[in-house]
Each structure stands twice: as C-alpha cells, then as structure tokens.
C-alpha cells in the first residue's frame, strides 16, 4: 500500500469513502449525511494548497483518506494542521501510513502544531497518539436541538 496526495481523478473514490465514513460515525455525531456536501468538500480540498489531502492506495484501489486544513487560530500566527477526515476501510497498521505522511507534509509546510480528532468508538488511538508525542488537548460535547 502506498500513500500519496489525492488528485482530482480520485474524486469518486474519496466521495465514496467519505460517505462510508459519515455512515459509520453517525452513531457518535448523529448528523444527517449529504452526498452533495461531501462532494463539495472533496472538490474543495483536493489539490488545494490550504489543505493536505492524502489517499491510501492498494493496487489501484483507494482504501483510505486523510484530510486536514492548514490554518491559524484567531489568536496566534502559528500554523496549525487540523485533521478533519481520517478513514480507512478495514483499519490496520497500514492506515497509520496516512498519519506518518501527514506529519511529514506538515514538517515540509512549517506547521507548528498538529491537531487530531479522537473518537473512542472507533479504533483506540489513545496509546498510539501518546507514543507519538501527542497530548490530549480538549474534549468535545454535542447536543441535538
């Protein structure tokens, strides 16, 4: 399996995995899922210098996606990479290749901080994050109205 930057030609694969990711994580977020919105998001992030968009490819098939925004907070000029999507079909250690490549690209872009999401209902990444030098920053709560 190889990790590479997503290309416009990967659009349909990325949308399909985005929908799958939204479906499997729906139990934790409870949000509606819009194909149109996933397509719009995917079109925005692929080949955009303000984003890092990676795919995990196995023999021509996209098995995983990783997308992060390159941003600044409202109070600092430090550059932050905020992961928004990290999904791998049948997650295994191969999926970590996406994280390693993401970190490499962050270093190349002079990113000062990386922010990763964590859903305990998915793969338990707490030990891996800690071993890699990440620390818990905050927790989020969600409430439907």
N, C-alpha and C. Protein backbone atom coordinates (compact mmCIF):
# COMPACT_ATOMS: atom_id res chain seq x y z
N UNK A 1 0.84 -1.18 0.00
CA UNK A 1 0.00 0.00 0.00
C UNK A 1 0.88 1.23 0.00
N UNK A 2 0.46 2.22 -0.75
CA UNK A 2 1.20 3.47 -0.82
C UNK A 2 0.30 4.62 -0.38
N UNK A 3 0.93 5.67 0.11
CA UNK A 3 0.24 6.90 0.44
C UNK A 3 0.72 7.96 -0.53
N UNK A 4 -0.24 8.71 -1.04
CA UNK A 4 0.10 9.80 -1.97
C UNK A 4 -0.93 10.90 -1.81
N UNK A 5 -0.61 12.04 -2.41
CA UNK A 5 -1.56 13.15 -2.40
C UNK A 5 -2.76 12.79 -3.27
N UNK A 6 -3.92 13.20 -2.81
CA UNK A 6 -5.14 12.97 -3.59
C UNK A 6 -5.12 13.84 -4.84
N UNK A 7 -5.67 13.29 -5.91
CA UNK A 7 -5.77 14.00 -7.19
C UNK A 7 -7.24 14.11 -7.57
N UNK A 8 -7.52 15.03 -8.48
CA UNK A 8 -8.90 15.20 -8.95
C UNK A 8 -9.46 13.89 -9.50
N UNK A 9 -8.61 13.06 -10.07
CA UNK A 9 -9.08 11.77 -10.61
C UNK A 9 -9.51 10.80 -9.50
N UNK A 10 -9.18 11.10 -8.25
CA UNK A 10 -9.59 10.27 -7.11
C UNK A 10 -10.94 10.69 -6.55
N UNK A 11 -11.55 11.70 -7.14
CA UNK A 11 -12.76 12.32 -6.60
C UNK A 11 -13.83 11.30 -6.20
N UNK A 12 -14.24 10.44 -7.13
CA UNK A 12 -15.33 9.49 -6.83
C UNK A 12 -14.97 8.52 -5.70
N UNK A 13 -13.71 8.04 -5.70
CA UNK A 13 -13.27 7.16 -4.61
C UNK A 13 -13.34 7.87 -3.27
N UNK A 14 -12.88 9.12 -3.24
CA UNK A 14 -12.86 9.89 -1.99
C UNK A 14 -14.28 10.19 -1.51
N UNK A 15 -15.18 10.49 -2.43
CA UNK A 15 -16.57 10.74 -2.06
C UNK A 15 -17.18 9.46 -1.47
N UNK A 16 -16.95 8.33 -2.12
CA UNK A 16 -17.50 7.06 -1.63
C UNK A 16 -16.99 6.75 -0.23
N UNK A 17 -15.69 6.93 0.00
CA UNK A 17 -15.14 6.69 1.33
C UNK A 17 -15.64 7.73 2.33
N UNK A 18 -15.84 8.96 1.88
CA UNK A 18 -16.39 10.00 2.75
C UNK A 18 -17.79 9.65 3.22
N UNK A 19 -18.60 9.13 2.32
CA UNK A 19 -19.96 8.71 2.67
C UNK A 19 -19.91 7.53 3.65
N UNK A 20 -19.02 6.58 3.38
CA UNK A 20 -18.87 5.43 4.27
C UNK A 20 -18.43 5.88 5.66
N UNK A 21 -17.48 6.80 5.72
CA UNK A 21 -17.00 7.33 6.99
C UNK A 21 -18.14 8.03 7.75
N UNK A 22 -18.91 8.83 7.04
CA UNK A 22 -20.04 9.54 7.66
C UNK A 22 -21.06 8.54 8.22
N UNK A 23 -21.31 7.48 7.46
CA UNK A 23 -22.28 6.47 7.91
C UNK A 23 -21.80 5.73 9.15
N UNK A 24 -20.54 5.28 9.16
CA UNK A 24 -20.06 4.51 10.31
C UNK A 24 -19.87 5.38 11.55
N UNK A 25 -19.68 6.67 11.37
CA UNK A 25 -19.51 7.55 12.53
C UNK A 25 -20.81 8.23 12.94
N UNK A 26 -21.89 7.96 12.22
CA UNK A 26 -23.17 8.61 12.52
C UNK A 26 -23.64 8.32 13.94
N UNK A 27 -23.33 7.14 14.46
CA UNK A 27 -23.76 6.81 15.83
C UNK A 27 -23.14 7.74 16.85
N UNK A 28 -21.98 8.32 16.57
CA UNK A 28 -21.36 9.22 17.54
C UNK A 28 -21.75 10.68 17.32
N UNK A 29 -21.97 11.10 16.06
CA UNK A 29 -22.30 12.51 15.84
C UNK A 29 -23.78 12.76 15.62
N UNK A 30 -24.51 11.79 15.09
CA UNK A 30 -25.95 11.94 14.91
C UNK A 30 -26.37 12.97 13.88
N UNK A 31 -25.47 13.37 13.01
CA UNK A 31 -25.78 14.37 11.99
C UNK A 31 -26.34 13.71 10.73
N UNK A 32 -27.12 14.49 9.98
CA UNK A 32 -27.59 13.98 8.69
C UNK A 32 -26.39 13.92 7.74
N UNK A 33 -26.53 13.15 6.67
CA UNK A 33 -25.44 12.98 5.72
C UNK A 33 -25.91 13.45 4.35
N UNK A 34 -25.11 14.30 3.73
CA UNK A 34 -25.45 14.86 2.42
C UNK A 34 -24.35 14.52 1.42
N UNK A 35 -24.70 13.75 0.40
CA UNK A 35 -23.73 13.44 -0.66
C UNK A 35 -23.24 14.72 -1.32
N UNK A 36 -24.17 15.65 -1.56
CA UNK A 36 -23.80 16.92 -2.20
C UNK A 36 -22.74 17.64 -1.37
N UNK A 37 -22.90 17.67 -0.06
CA UNK A 37 -21.95 18.35 0.81
C UNK A 37 -20.60 17.64 0.81
N UNK A 38 -20.61 16.32 0.82
CA UNK A 38 -19.36 15.55 0.77
C UNK A 38 -18.65 15.80 -0.56
N UNK A 39 -19.40 15.85 -1.65
CA UNK A 39 -18.81 16.16 -2.96
C UNK A 39 -18.20 17.56 -2.98
N UNK A 40 -18.92 18.52 -2.43
CA UNK A 40 -18.46 19.91 -2.36
C UNK A 40 -17.16 20.00 -1.56
N UNK A 41 -17.16 19.35 -0.39
CA UNK A 41 -15.98 19.35 0.47
C UNK A 41 -14.80 18.71 -0.25
N UNK A 42 -15.02 17.54 -0.84
CA UNK A 42 -13.96 16.81 -1.54
C UNK A 42 -13.39 17.65 -2.68
N UNK A 43 -14.26 18.30 -3.43
CA UNK A 43 -13.81 19.16 -4.53
C UNK A 43 -12.97 20.32 -4.01
N UNK A 44 -13.30 20.84 -2.84
CA UNK A 44 -12.56 21.95 -2.25
C UNK A 44 -11.17 21.56 -1.79
N UNK A 45 -11.04 20.39 -1.18
CA UNK A 45 -9.78 20.04 -0.51
C UNK A 45 -8.74 19.38 -1.41
N UNK A 46 -9.17 18.71 -2.47
CA UNK A 46 -8.20 18.03 -3.34
C UNK A 46 -7.44 19.06 -4.16
N UNK A 47 -6.12 18.92 -4.15
CA UNK A 47 -5.21 19.79 -4.90
C UNK A 47 -5.36 21.26 -4.49
N UNK A 48 -5.59 21.50 -3.20
CA UNK A 48 -5.72 22.85 -2.67
C UNK A 48 -4.56 23.07 -1.70
N UNK A 49 -3.74 24.12 -1.90
CA UNK A 49 -2.57 24.33 -1.04
C UNK A 49 -2.90 24.64 0.42
N UNK A 50 -4.14 24.99 0.72
CA UNK A 50 -4.54 25.26 2.09
C UNK A 50 -5.00 24.00 2.83
N UNK A 51 -4.89 22.88 2.17
CA UNK A 51 -5.32 21.60 2.73
C UNK A 51 -4.26 20.55 2.46
N UNK A 52 -4.24 19.52 3.28
CA UNK A 52 -3.47 18.31 2.99
C UNK A 52 -4.50 17.22 2.77
N UNK A 53 -4.48 16.64 1.59
CA UNK A 53 -5.42 15.55 1.25
C UNK A 53 -4.62 14.37 0.74
N UNK A 54 -4.71 13.28 1.47
CA UNK A 54 -3.94 12.08 1.16
C UNK A 54 -4.87 10.90 0.93
N UNK A 55 -4.38 9.95 0.15
CA UNK A 55 -5.10 8.69 -0.03
C UNK A 55 -4.15 7.54 0.23
N UNK A 56 -4.72 6.44 0.71
CA UNK A 56 -4.01 5.18 0.88
C UNK A 56 -4.47 4.29 -0.26
N UNK A 57 -3.54 3.92 -1.13
CA UNK A 57 -3.88 3.16 -2.33
C UNK A 57 -3.28 1.77 -2.29
N UNK A 58 -4.10 0.79 -2.67
CA UNK A 58 -3.66 -0.60 -2.73
C UNK A 58 -4.04 -1.16 -4.09
N UNK A 59 -3.03 -1.38 -4.92
CA UNK A 59 -3.23 -1.94 -6.27
C UNK A 59 -4.31 -1.19 -7.04
N UNK A 60 -4.21 0.13 -7.04
CA UNK A 60 -5.13 0.96 -7.81
C UNK A 60 -6.44 1.30 -7.12
N UNK A 61 -6.69 0.72 -5.95
CA UNK A 61 -7.93 1.00 -5.23
C UNK A 61 -7.64 1.87 -4.02
N UNK A 62 -8.43 2.92 -3.85
CA UNK A 62 -8.29 3.81 -2.70
C UNK A 62 -8.93 3.14 -1.49
N UNK A 63 -8.11 2.90 -0.46
CA UNK A 63 -8.58 2.21 0.75
C UNK A 63 -8.74 3.15 1.93
N UNK A 64 -8.15 4.35 1.82
CA UNK A 64 -8.22 5.29 2.93
C UNK A 64 -8.04 6.72 2.49
N UNK A 65 -8.57 7.63 3.31
CA UNK A 65 -8.45 9.06 3.03
C UNK A 65 -8.04 9.79 4.31
N UNK A 66 -7.35 10.90 4.13
CA UNK A 66 -6.91 11.74 5.24
C UNK A 66 -6.92 13.16 4.75
N UNK A 67 -7.63 14.03 5.45
CA UNK A 67 -7.72 15.42 5.04
C UNK A 67 -7.55 16.33 6.25
N UNK A 68 -6.75 17.38 6.08
CA UNK A 68 -6.52 18.35 7.15
C UNK A 68 -6.44 19.75 6.58
N UNK A 69 -6.95 20.71 7.34
CA UNK A 69 -6.86 22.12 6.97
C UNK A 69 -5.58 22.71 7.54
N UNK A 70 -4.94 23.57 6.78
CA UNK A 70 -3.79 24.32 7.24
C UNK A 70 -4.31 25.70 7.60
N UNK A 71 -4.28 26.02 8.90
CA UNK A 71 -4.94 27.24 9.38
C UNK A 71 -4.10 27.95 10.45
N UNK A 72 -4.57 29.12 10.85
CA UNK A 72 -4.08 29.82 12.02
C UNK A 72 -5.27 30.02 12.95
N UNK A 73 -5.00 30.01 14.25
CA UNK A 73 -6.08 30.30 15.18
C UNK A 73 -6.36 31.80 15.15
N UNK A 74 -7.42 32.23 15.79
CA UNK A 74 -7.74 33.64 15.82
C UNK A 74 -6.80 34.44 16.70
N UNK A 75 -5.98 33.76 17.53
CA UNK A 75 -5.13 34.47 18.48
C UNK A 75 -3.64 34.29 18.26
N UNK A 76 -3.25 33.56 17.21
CA UNK A 76 -1.84 33.27 17.02
C UNK A 76 -1.50 33.22 15.53
N UNK A 77 -0.26 33.52 15.23
CA UNK A 77 0.21 33.39 13.86
C UNK A 77 0.84 32.03 13.60
N UNK A 78 0.86 31.18 14.62
CA UNK A 78 1.36 29.81 14.43
C UNK A 78 0.49 29.09 13.42
N UNK A 79 1.13 28.27 12.61
CA UNK A 79 0.40 27.50 11.60
C UNK A 79 0.03 26.15 12.21
N UNK A 80 -1.25 25.79 12.06
CA UNK A 80 -1.79 24.57 12.63
C UNK A 80 -2.35 23.70 11.50
N UNK A 81 -2.18 22.40 11.62
CA UNK A 81 -2.83 21.46 10.71
C UNK A 81 -3.91 20.75 11.51
N UNK A 82 -5.16 20.96 11.14
CA UNK A 82 -6.31 20.38 11.84
C UNK A 82 -6.90 19.26 11.00
N UNK A 83 -6.74 18.03 11.48
CA UNK A 83 -7.30 16.87 10.78
C UNK A 83 -8.82 16.91 10.88
N UNK A 84 -9.48 16.68 9.75
CA UNK A 84 -10.95 16.65 9.71
C UNK A 84 -11.49 15.30 9.28
N UNK A 85 -10.75 14.60 8.45
CA UNK A 85 -11.20 13.30 7.97
C UNK A 85 -10.00 12.35 7.98
N UNK A 86 -10.18 11.23 8.66
CA UNK A 86 -9.20 10.15 8.60
C UNK A 86 -10.00 8.86 8.66
N UNK A 87 -10.07 8.19 7.54
CA UNK A 87 -10.87 6.98 7.46
C UNK A 87 -10.17 5.96 6.58
N UNK A 88 -10.11 4.74 7.06
CA UNK A 88 -9.53 3.63 6.31
C UNK A 88 -10.49 2.46 6.38
N UNK A 89 -10.82 1.91 5.21
CA UNK A 89 -11.63 0.69 5.20
C UNK A 89 -10.82 -0.39 5.91
N UNK A 90 -11.47 -1.13 6.78
CA UNK A 90 -10.78 -2.22 7.47
C UNK A 90 -9.46 -1.74 8.06
N UNK A 91 -9.55 -0.82 9.01
CA UNK A 91 -8.36 -0.18 9.60
C UNK A 91 -7.36 -1.21 10.10
N UNK A 92 -6.11 -0.96 9.77
CA UNK A 92 -4.99 -1.78 10.24
C UNK A 92 -3.80 -0.85 10.38
N UNK A 93 -2.67 -1.42 10.70
CA UNK A 93 -1.46 -0.60 10.82
C UNK A 93 -1.14 0.13 9.52
N UNK A 94 -1.61 -0.40 8.40
CA UNK A 94 -1.40 0.26 7.12
C UNK A 94 -2.01 1.67 7.13
N UNK A 95 -3.09 1.84 7.87
CA UNK A 95 -3.74 3.14 7.96
C UNK A 95 -2.88 4.18 8.63
N UNK A 96 -1.92 3.75 9.45
CA UNK A 96 -1.00 4.69 10.10
C UNK A 96 -0.07 5.36 9.09
N UNK A 97 0.10 4.74 7.94
CA UNK A 97 0.93 5.35 6.90
C UNK A 97 0.39 6.72 6.53
N UNK A 98 -0.92 6.88 6.59
CA UNK A 98 -1.52 8.19 6.31
C UNK A 98 -1.06 9.23 7.33
N UNK A 99 -1.04 8.84 8.59
CA UNK A 99 -0.60 9.75 9.65
C UNK A 99 0.87 10.10 9.49
N UNK A 100 1.70 9.12 9.19
CA UNK A 100 3.14 9.38 9.02
C UNK A 100 3.39 10.35 7.86
N UNK A 101 2.70 10.15 6.75
CA UNK A 101 2.86 11.04 5.61
C UNK A 101 2.32 12.43 5.93
N UNK A 102 1.21 12.49 6.67
CA UNK A 102 0.65 13.76 7.09
C UNK A 102 1.68 14.54 7.92
N UNK A 103 2.29 13.88 8.89
CA UNK A 103 3.30 14.55 9.71
C UNK A 103 4.47 15.05 8.85
N UNK A 104 4.89 14.24 7.90
CA UNK A 104 5.98 14.63 7.00
C UNK A 104 5.61 15.88 6.21
N UNK A 105 4.40 15.90 5.67
CA UNK A 105 3.97 17.08 4.91
C UNK A 105 3.83 18.31 5.81
N UNK A 106 3.41 18.10 7.05
CA UNK A 106 3.31 19.21 7.99
C UNK A 106 4.69 19.83 8.23
N UNK A 107 5.70 18.99 8.41
CA UNK A 107 7.06 19.48 8.60
C UNK A 107 7.52 20.28 7.39
N UNK A 108 7.24 19.76 6.19
CA UNK A 108 7.63 20.46 4.96
C UNK A 108 6.94 21.81 4.83
N UNK A 109 5.73 21.93 5.35
CA UNK A 109 4.97 23.18 5.26
C UNK A 109 5.18 24.09 6.47
N UNK A 110 6.11 23.71 7.33
CA UNK A 110 6.46 24.50 8.50
C UNK A 110 5.28 24.69 9.47
N UNK A 111 4.47 23.65 9.60
CA UNK A 111 3.36 23.64 10.56
C UNK A 111 3.95 23.53 11.96
N UNK A 112 3.43 24.34 12.91
CA UNK A 112 3.95 24.29 14.28
C UNK A 112 3.19 23.30 15.17
N UNK A 113 1.90 23.09 14.91
CA UNK A 113 1.09 22.20 15.75
C UNK A 113 0.17 21.37 14.87
N UNK A 114 -0.03 20.13 15.28
CA UNK A 114 -0.97 19.23 14.61
C UNK A 114 -2.09 18.92 15.60
N UNK A 115 -3.33 18.99 15.12
CA UNK A 115 -4.49 18.67 15.95
C UNK A 115 -5.21 17.50 15.29
N UNK A 116 -5.35 16.40 16.04
CA UNK A 116 -6.01 15.20 15.54
C UNK A 116 -7.29 14.95 16.32
N UNK A 117 -8.30 14.46 15.62
CA UNK A 117 -9.53 14.08 16.28
C UNK A 117 -9.39 12.71 16.92
N UNK A 118 -10.29 12.43 17.84
CA UNK A 118 -10.27 11.13 18.51
C UNK A 118 -11.70 10.73 18.84
N UNK A 119 -12.11 9.62 18.29
CA UNK A 119 -13.43 9.07 18.61
C UNK A 119 -13.19 7.72 19.26
N UNK A 120 -13.50 7.62 20.54
CA UNK A 120 -13.24 6.37 21.25
C UNK A 120 -14.05 5.20 20.70
N UNK A 121 -15.13 5.48 19.98
CA UNK A 121 -15.95 4.40 19.42
C UNK A 121 -15.30 3.78 18.17
N UNK A 122 -14.28 4.44 17.64
CA UNK A 122 -13.54 3.90 16.51
C UNK A 122 -12.34 3.13 17.05
N UNK A 123 -11.30 3.06 16.27
CA UNK A 123 -10.05 2.41 16.69
C UNK A 123 -9.47 3.18 17.86
N UNK A 124 -9.04 2.49 18.92
CA UNK A 124 -8.48 3.15 20.09
C UNK A 124 -7.08 3.64 19.77
N UNK A 125 -6.98 4.93 19.46
CA UNK A 125 -5.72 5.53 19.06
C UNK A 125 -4.99 6.20 20.23
N UNK A 126 -5.58 6.21 21.41
CA UNK A 126 -5.00 6.94 22.53
C UNK A 126 -3.55 6.52 22.79
N UNK A 127 -3.27 5.22 22.84
CA UNK A 127 -1.91 4.75 23.12
C UNK A 127 -0.95 5.14 21.99
N UNK A 128 -1.42 5.00 20.77
CA UNK A 128 -0.57 5.34 19.62
C UNK A 128 -0.26 6.83 19.61
N UNK A 129 -1.28 7.67 19.79
CA UNK A 129 -1.07 9.12 19.84
C UNK A 129 -0.06 9.49 20.92
N UNK A 130 -0.23 8.91 22.10
CA UNK A 130 0.66 9.22 23.23
C UNK A 130 2.10 8.82 22.90
N UNK A 131 2.28 7.62 22.35
CA UNK A 131 3.62 7.16 21.97
C UNK A 131 4.27 8.06 20.93
N UNK A 132 3.44 8.67 20.09
CA UNK A 132 3.96 9.53 19.02
C UNK A 132 4.17 10.97 19.49
N UNK A 133 3.91 11.25 20.77
CA UNK A 133 4.18 12.57 21.30
C UNK A 133 2.98 13.52 21.34
N UNK A 134 1.80 13.03 21.03
CA UNK A 134 0.60 13.87 21.11
C UNK A 134 0.10 13.87 22.55
N UNK A 135 -0.58 14.95 22.93
CA UNK A 135 -1.20 15.03 24.25
C UNK A 135 -2.65 15.45 24.08
N UNK A 136 -3.46 15.07 25.03
CA UNK A 136 -4.88 15.42 24.99
C UNK A 136 -5.03 16.92 25.18
N UNK A 137 -5.77 17.55 24.29
CA UNK A 137 -5.98 19.00 24.35
C UNK A 137 -7.33 19.34 24.95
N UNK A 138 -8.37 18.75 24.42
CA UNK A 138 -9.72 19.05 24.90
C UNK A 138 -10.67 17.94 24.47
N UNK A 139 -11.83 17.95 25.02
CA UNK A 139 -12.89 17.02 24.61
C UNK A 139 -14.03 17.87 24.05
N UNK A 140 -14.84 17.27 23.20
CA UNK A 140 -15.99 17.97 22.65
C UNK A 140 -17.26 17.26 23.07
N UNK A 141 -18.30 18.04 23.25
CA UNK A 141 -19.62 17.51 23.56
C UNK A 141 -20.56 17.96 22.46
N UNK A 142 -21.58 17.17 22.20
CA UNK A 142 -22.55 17.52 21.17
C UNK A 142 -23.94 17.34 21.74
N UNK A 143 -24.85 18.23 21.33
CA UNK A 143 -26.25 18.20 21.79
C UNK A 143 -27.13 18.52 20.60
N UNK A 144 -28.12 17.69 20.40
CA UNK A 144 -29.08 17.97 19.34
C UNK A 144 -30.13 18.96 19.79
N UNK A 145 -30.60 19.79 18.89
CA UNK A 145 -31.65 20.76 19.21
C UNK A 145 -32.88 20.51 18.35
